[in-house]
N, C-alpha and C. Protein backbone atom coordinates (compact mmCIF):
# COMPACT_ATOMS: atom_id res chain seq x y z
N UNK A 1 13.85 -19.99 -4.49
CA UNK A 1 13.27 -20.12 -3.11
C UNK A 1 12.22 -18.73 -2.73
N UNK A 2 11.28 -18.87 -2.31
CA UNK A 2 10.38 -18.13 -1.83
C UNK A 2 10.20 -17.82 -0.34
N UNK A 3 10.04 -16.73 0.20
CA UNK A 3 9.81 -16.39 1.96
C UNK A 3 8.51 -15.83 1.69
N UNK A 4 7.83 -15.76 2.82
CA UNK A 4 6.82 -15.12 3.29
C UNK A 4 6.74 -14.66 4.43
N UNK A 5 6.40 -13.79 4.92
CA UNK A 5 5.78 -12.87 6.11
C UNK A 5 4.22 -12.54 6.08
N UNK A 6 3.68 -12.87 7.51
CA UNK A 6 2.81 -12.64 7.46
C UNK A 6 2.14 -11.35 8.76
N UNK A 7 1.46 -10.93 8.22
CA UNK A 7 0.49 -10.11 9.86
C UNK A 7 -1.09 -9.86 9.36
N UNK A 8 -1.47 -9.25 10.62
CA UNK A 8 -2.60 -9.10 10.51
C UNK A 8 -3.27 -7.84 11.15
N UNK A 9 -4.78 -7.92 10.84
CA UNK A 9 -5.27 -6.57 10.67
C UNK A 9 -6.67 -6.65 10.97
N UNK A 10 -7.24 -5.48 11.53
CA UNK A 10 -8.86 -5.53 11.46
C UNK A 10 -8.95 -4.09 11.69
N UNK A 11 -9.72 -4.27 10.23
CA UNK A 11 -10.40 -2.94 9.71
C UNK A 11 -12.15 -2.87 9.37
N UNK A 12 -12.80 -1.61 8.84
CA UNK A 12 -14.21 -2.00 8.77
C UNK A 12 -14.17 -1.49 7.41
N UNK A 13 -14.93 -1.87 6.86
CA UNK A 13 -15.75 -1.22 5.53
C UNK A 13 -17.26 -1.44 5.14
N UNK A 14 -17.67 -0.77 4.12
CA UNK A 14 -18.88 -0.35 3.76
C UNK A 14 -19.08 -0.94 2.47
N UNK A 15 -19.43 -1.75 1.80
CA UNK A 15 -19.65 -2.38 0.27
C UNK A 15 -21.19 -1.99 0.05
N UNK A 16 -21.16 -1.98 -1.51
CA UNK A 16 -22.43 -1.67 -1.97
C UNK A 16 -23.93 -2.76 -1.66
N UNK A 17 -23.23 -4.11 -1.87
CA UNK A 17 -23.95 -4.74 -1.86
C UNK A 17 -24.39 -5.43 -0.35
N UNK A 18 -23.73 -4.89 0.47
CA UNK A 18 -24.07 -5.19 1.85
C UNK A 18 -24.63 -4.45 2.77
N UNK A 19 -25.18 -4.33 3.71
CA UNK A 19 -26.29 -2.74 4.63
C UNK A 19 -25.16 -2.46 5.09
N UNK A 20 -24.87 -1.44 6.06
CA UNK A 20 -24.22 -1.06 6.47
C UNK A 20 -22.71 -1.15 6.83
N UNK A 21 -21.93 -0.38 8.04
CA UNK A 21 -20.62 -0.84 7.96
C UNK A 21 -19.98 -1.97 8.97
N UNK A 22 -19.46 -2.51 8.64
CA UNK A 22 -18.89 -3.64 9.62
C UNK A 22 -17.40 -4.23 9.74
N UNK A 23 -16.54 -4.79 10.11
CA UNK A 23 -15.45 -5.35 10.21
C UNK A 23 -15.29 -6.77 9.88
N UNK A 24 -13.95 -6.89 9.93
CA UNK A 24 -13.11 -8.17 10.12
C UNK A 24 -11.90 -7.91 10.55
N UNK A 25 -11.60 -9.69 10.70
CA UNK A 25 -10.12 -9.81 10.88
C UNK A 25 -9.57 -10.15 9.90
N UNK A 26 -8.14 -9.42 9.23
CA UNK A 26 -7.78 -10.21 8.22
C UNK A 26 -6.45 -10.92 8.24
N UNK A 27 -5.77 -11.81 7.61
CA UNK A 27 -3.88 -12.02 7.79
C UNK A 27 -4.10 -11.15 6.26
N UNK A 28 -2.83 -11.28 5.65
CA UNK A 28 -2.09 -11.01 5.15
C UNK A 28 -0.98 -11.77 4.83
N UNK A 29 -0.62 -12.22 3.95
CA UNK A 29 0.66 -13.17 3.43
C UNK A 29 1.32 -12.39 2.41
N UNK A 30 2.66 -11.70 2.50
CA UNK A 30 3.33 -11.23 1.40
C UNK A 30 4.47 -12.20 0.97
N UNK A 31 4.86 -12.58 -0.08
CA UNK A 31 5.98 -13.25 -0.10
C UNK A 31 6.65 -12.83 -1.40
N UNK A 32 8.11 -12.95 -1.03
CA UNK A 32 8.92 -12.76 -2.01
C UNK A 32 9.74 -14.03 -2.26
N UNK A 33 10.36 -13.50 -4.04
CA UNK A 33 11.35 -14.96 -4.12
C UNK A 33 13.00 -13.94 -4.60
N UNK A 34 13.91 -14.97 -4.50
CA UNK A 34 14.84 -15.02 -4.64
C UNK A 34 15.80 -16.17 -4.49
N UNK A 35 17.15 -15.35 -4.41
CA UNK A 35 18.14 -16.46 -4.29
C UNK A 35 18.72 -16.52 -2.95
N UNK A 36 18.84 -17.38 -2.03
CA UNK A 36 19.15 -17.48 -0.99
C UNK A 36 20.59 -17.70 -0.46
N UNK A 37 21.84 -17.43 -1.31
CA UNK A 37 23.15 -17.35 -1.50
C UNK A 37 23.91 -17.41 0.46
N UNK A 38 22.82 -16.24 0.68
CA UNK A 38 23.58 -15.76 2.30
C UNK A 38 22.91 -16.16 3.31
N UNK A 39 21.96 -17.59 2.86
CA UNK A 39 21.29 -17.89 3.93
C UNK A 39 20.17 -17.44 3.90
N UNK A 40 19.29 -16.61 3.14
CA UNK A 40 18.05 -15.72 3.56
C UNK A 40 17.82 -15.60 2.19
N UNK A 41 16.28 -15.46 1.66
CA UNK A 41 15.99 -15.05 0.35
C UNK A 41 15.85 -13.36 0.87
N UNK A 42 15.30 -13.08 2.18
CA UNK A 42 15.22 -11.84 2.65
C UNK A 42 15.39 -12.41 4.32
N UNK A 43 16.08 -11.17 4.81
CA UNK A 43 15.94 -11.53 6.24
C UNK A 43 14.84 -10.71 6.80
N UNK A 44 14.18 -11.86 8.10
CA UNK A 44 12.97 -11.79 8.49
C UNK A 44 12.69 -10.33 9.28
N UNK A 45 13.80 -9.62 9.61
CA UNK A 45 14.03 -8.08 10.42
C UNK A 45 13.30 -7.33 9.13
N UNK A 46 14.40 -7.50 7.80
CA UNK A 46 13.47 -6.95 6.84
C UNK A 46 12.49 -6.76 6.36
N UNK A 47 11.68 -8.11 6.30
CA UNK A 47 10.34 -8.73 5.78
C UNK A 47 9.73 -7.78 6.93
N UNK A 48 10.34 -7.43 8.01
CA UNK A 48 9.17 -7.01 8.95
C UNK A 48 9.13 -5.20 8.87
N UNK A 49 10.45 -4.47 8.49
CA UNK A 49 10.54 -3.55 8.70
C UNK A 49 9.61 -2.82 7.41
N UNK A 50 9.82 -4.03 6.18
CA UNK A 50 8.72 -3.63 4.88
C UNK A 50 7.93 -3.01 5.35
N UNK A 51 7.10 -4.44 6.11
CA UNK A 51 5.40 -4.63 6.01
C UNK A 51 4.84 -3.77 7.73
N UNK A 52 5.55 -3.51 7.86
CA UNK A 52 4.91 -2.54 9.05
C UNK A 52 4.27 -1.43 8.80
N UNK A 53 4.62 -0.46 8.03
CA UNK A 53 4.10 0.53 7.99
C UNK A 53 2.29 0.57 7.08
N UNK A 54 2.71 -0.64 6.19
CA UNK A 54 1.36 -0.83 5.45
C UNK A 54 0.07 -1.48 6.74
N UNK A 55 0.57 -2.50 7.64
CA UNK A 55 -0.42 -3.02 8.72
C UNK A 55 -0.45 -1.91 9.40
N UNK A 56 0.17 -1.11 10.01
CA UNK A 56 -0.19 0.64 10.60
C UNK A 56 -1.24 0.92 9.83
N UNK A 57 -1.00 1.09 8.48
CA UNK A 57 -2.31 1.72 7.57
C UNK A 57 -3.58 0.99 7.91
N UNK A 58 -3.47 -0.22 7.50
CA UNK A 58 -4.72 -1.32 7.50
C UNK A 58 -5.42 -1.24 8.43
N UNK A 59 -4.53 -1.73 9.58
CA UNK A 59 -5.16 -1.66 11.06
C UNK A 59 -5.95 -1.16 11.63
N UNK A 60 -7.34 -1.41 12.36
CA UNK A 60 -7.95 -0.83 12.49
C UNK A 60 -8.62 1.10 12.11
N UNK A 61 -8.54 0.66 10.50
CA UNK A 61 -9.19 1.68 9.74
C UNK A 61 -10.60 1.55 9.42
N UNK A 62 -10.97 2.29 8.50
CA UNK A 62 -11.87 2.56 7.87
C UNK A 62 -11.56 2.41 6.38
N UNK A 63 -11.77 0.65 5.86
CA UNK A 63 -11.02 0.63 4.85
C UNK A 63 -11.59 1.49 3.31
N UNK A 64 -13.28 2.38 3.21
CA UNK A 64 -13.77 3.28 2.29
C UNK A 64 -12.58 4.11 2.49
N UNK A 65 -11.75 4.72 3.63
CA UNK A 65 -10.60 5.70 3.41
C UNK A 65 -9.84 5.98 2.79
N UNK A 66 -9.59 4.50 2.71
CA UNK A 66 -8.42 4.27 1.83
C UNK A 66 -8.55 3.87 0.43
N UNK A 67 -9.75 3.23 -0.03
CA UNK A 67 -9.88 3.13 -1.56
C UNK A 67 -11.49 3.28 -1.66
N UNK A 68 -11.40 2.98 -2.80
CA UNK A 68 -12.83 3.13 -3.40
C UNK A 68 -13.98 2.01 -3.11
N UNK A 69 -13.55 0.70 -3.49
CA UNK A 69 -14.07 -0.15 -3.20
C UNK A 69 -13.55 -1.24 -2.59
N UNK A 70 -13.35 -1.23 -1.10
CA UNK A 70 -12.62 -2.12 -0.07
C UNK A 70 -13.33 -3.31 -0.26
N UNK A 71 -12.86 -4.46 -1.07
CA UNK A 71 -12.90 -6.07 -1.29
C UNK A 71 -11.71 -6.30 -0.88
N UNK A 72 -11.58 -8.12 -0.56
CA UNK A 72 -10.44 -8.22 -0.49
C UNK A 72 -9.52 -8.52 -1.54
N UNK A 73 -9.82 -7.99 -2.77
CA UNK A 73 -9.19 -8.47 -4.04
C UNK A 73 -8.76 -6.49 -4.26
N UNK A 74 -9.43 -6.11 -3.76
CA UNK A 74 -8.54 -4.54 -4.08
C UNK A 74 -7.99 -4.08 -2.59
N UNK A 75 -8.05 -4.54 -1.73
CA UNK A 75 -7.09 -5.06 -0.28
C UNK A 75 -5.43 -5.66 -1.01
N UNK A 76 -5.47 -6.54 -1.53
CA UNK A 76 -4.19 -7.33 -2.27
C UNK A 76 -3.40 -6.60 -3.18
N UNK A 77 -4.42 -5.88 -3.98
CA UNK A 77 -3.50 -4.61 -4.20
C UNK A 77 -3.34 -3.50 -3.77
N UNK A 78 -4.06 -2.96 -3.19
CA UNK A 78 -3.50 -1.91 -2.12
C UNK A 78 -2.36 -2.15 -1.54
N UNK A 79 -1.87 -3.55 -1.05
CA UNK A 79 -0.52 -3.90 -0.42
C UNK A 79 0.18 -4.20 -1.38
N UNK A 80 -0.06 -4.45 -2.37
CA UNK A 80 1.14 -4.45 -3.50
C UNK A 80 1.69 -3.53 -3.82
N UNK A 81 1.03 -2.44 -4.01
CA UNK A 81 1.13 -1.00 -4.38
C UNK A 81 2.10 -0.19 -3.87
N UNK A 82 1.58 -0.66 -2.46
CA UNK A 82 2.90 -0.37 -1.52
C UNK A 82 4.22 -0.90 -1.21
N UNK A 83 4.31 -2.04 -1.60
CA UNK A 83 5.55 -3.01 -1.73
C UNK A 83 6.07 -2.80 -2.96
N UNK A 84 5.69 -2.62 -3.97
CA UNK A 84 6.06 -3.06 -5.20
C UNK A 84 7.78 -2.55 -5.75
N UNK A 85 7.94 -1.68 -4.65
CA UNK A 85 9.64 -1.40 -5.05
C UNK A 85 10.86 -2.17 -3.82
N UNK A 86 9.64 -3.00 -2.87
CA UNK A 86 10.58 -4.17 -2.55
C UNK A 86 11.31 -5.28 -3.51
N UNK A 87 12.74 -5.34 -3.38
CA UNK A 87 12.99 -6.33 -4.08
C UNK A 87 12.05 -7.59 -3.89
N UNK A 88 12.09 -8.80 -5.01
CA UNK A 88 11.58 -9.94 -5.11
C UNK A 88 10.01 -10.07 -4.84
N UNK A 89 9.41 -8.90 -4.57
CA UNK A 89 7.97 -9.00 -4.48
C UNK A 89 7.39 -10.10 -5.30
N UNK A 90 6.50 -11.03 -4.64
CA UNK A 90 6.04 -12.32 -6.02
C UNK A 90 4.37 -12.68 -5.69
N UNK A 91 3.91 -12.18 -4.66
CA UNK A 91 2.88 -12.61 -3.93
C UNK A 91 2.05 -11.87 -2.79
N UNK A 92 1.09 -11.40 -3.09
CA UNK A 92 0.27 -10.86 -1.85
C UNK A 92 -1.17 -11.91 -1.22
N UNK A 93 -1.48 -12.55 -0.40
CA UNK A 93 -2.67 -13.43 -0.27
C UNK A 93 -3.34 -12.21 0.94
N UNK A 94 -4.73 -12.50 0.78
CA UNK A 94 -5.31 -11.63 1.70
C UNK A 94 -6.34 -12.58 2.34
N UNK A 95 -6.41 -12.94 3.64
CA UNK A 95 -7.64 -13.92 3.78
C UNK A 95 -8.28 -13.10 4.93
N UNK A 96 -9.94 -13.24 4.88
CA UNK A 96 -10.39 -12.94 5.86
C UNK A 96 -10.78 -13.90 6.56
N UNK A 97 -10.29 -13.71 7.76
CA UNK A 97 -10.74 -15.12 8.85
C UNK A 97 -12.03 -15.59 9.06
N UNK A 98 -12.67 -14.26 9.26
CA UNK A 98 -14.18 -14.68 10.07
C UNK A 98 -15.00 -15.78 9.18
N UNK A 99 -14.76 -16.16 7.85
CA UNK A 99 -15.51 -16.84 6.98
C UNK A 99 -14.51 -17.88 5.98
N UNK A 100 -12.80 -17.68 6.18
CA UNK A 100 -12.33 -18.04 5.23
C UNK A 100 -11.92 -18.28 3.89
N UNK A 101 -12.19 -16.60 3.81
CA UNK A 101 -12.17 -16.26 2.57
C UNK A 101 -11.12 -15.51 1.85
N UNK A 102 -10.21 -15.84 0.73
CA UNK A 102 -9.53 -15.14 0.39
C UNK A 102 -8.81 -15.42 -1.14
N UNK A 103 -8.11 -14.21 -1.15
CA UNK A 103 -7.51 -14.12 -2.71
C UNK A 103 -6.14 -13.96 -2.94
N UNK A 104 -5.66 -13.99 -3.91
CA UNK A 104 -4.25 -14.04 -4.39
C UNK A 104 -3.99 -12.93 -5.32
N UNK A 105 -2.96 -12.00 -5.47
CA UNK A 105 -2.73 -11.44 -6.46
C UNK A 105 -0.96 -11.14 -6.42
N UNK A 106 -0.46 -11.96 -7.99
CA UNK A 106 0.73 -11.90 -7.53
C UNK A 106 1.52 -11.19 -8.52
N UNK A 107 2.58 -11.41 -9.38
CA UNK A 107 3.40 -11.08 -10.21
C UNK A 107 2.58 -10.68 -11.52
N UNK A 108 2.57 -11.51 -12.08
CA UNK A 108 1.70 -11.94 -12.98
C UNK A 108 0.24 -10.61 -13.57
N UNK A 109 -0.34 -10.61 -12.12
CA UNK A 109 -1.61 -9.72 -12.08
C UNK A 109 -1.22 -8.47 -12.23
N UNK A 110 -0.50 -8.35 -11.28
CA UNK A 110 0.40 -6.85 -11.02
C UNK A 110 0.84 -6.31 -12.45
N UNK A 111 1.64 -7.68 -13.66
CA UNK A 111 1.87 -7.07 -14.99
C UNK A 111 0.80 -6.47 -15.84
N UNK A 112 -0.30 -7.24 -15.61
CA UNK A 112 -1.31 -7.34 -16.47
C UNK A 112 -1.99 -6.02 -15.91
N UNK A 113 -2.07 -5.60 -15.30
CA UNK A 113 -3.15 -4.24 -14.19
C UNK A 113 -1.94 -3.24 -14.78
N UNK A 114 -0.36 -3.29 -15.29
CA UNK A 114 0.56 -2.03 -15.12
C UNK A 114 0.96 -1.41 -13.55
N UNK A 115 0.70 -2.62 -12.74
CA UNK A 115 1.48 -1.98 -11.23
C UNK A 115 3.06 -2.54 -10.82
N UNK A 116 3.38 -3.10 -12.22
CA UNK A 116 5.01 -3.22 -12.40
C UNK A 116 5.26 -2.98 -13.46
């Protein structure tokens, strides 16, 4: 079974192919996989506690200060890297709300890139 928790953040960035610094509102979904033998894949309070430090880091930040090329793809990798030790991490999805563009980074991607 899979469970997910969403969080929202607003952040600015500057990309080489887009003039000037600008901001976006993002939604991140973090998915976990596991057995729900005790009724939960992972308790929502546990999910919230794991994600809150990541959300706080991203929210109202200049993403260029956190990563070399702050694309949605790299934001998903950034989130994965900070949560990689949380049991059952399965997928990270990042959506830029203003235009509805999103990316997904999952366990296969992380394995291929050596993040697990």
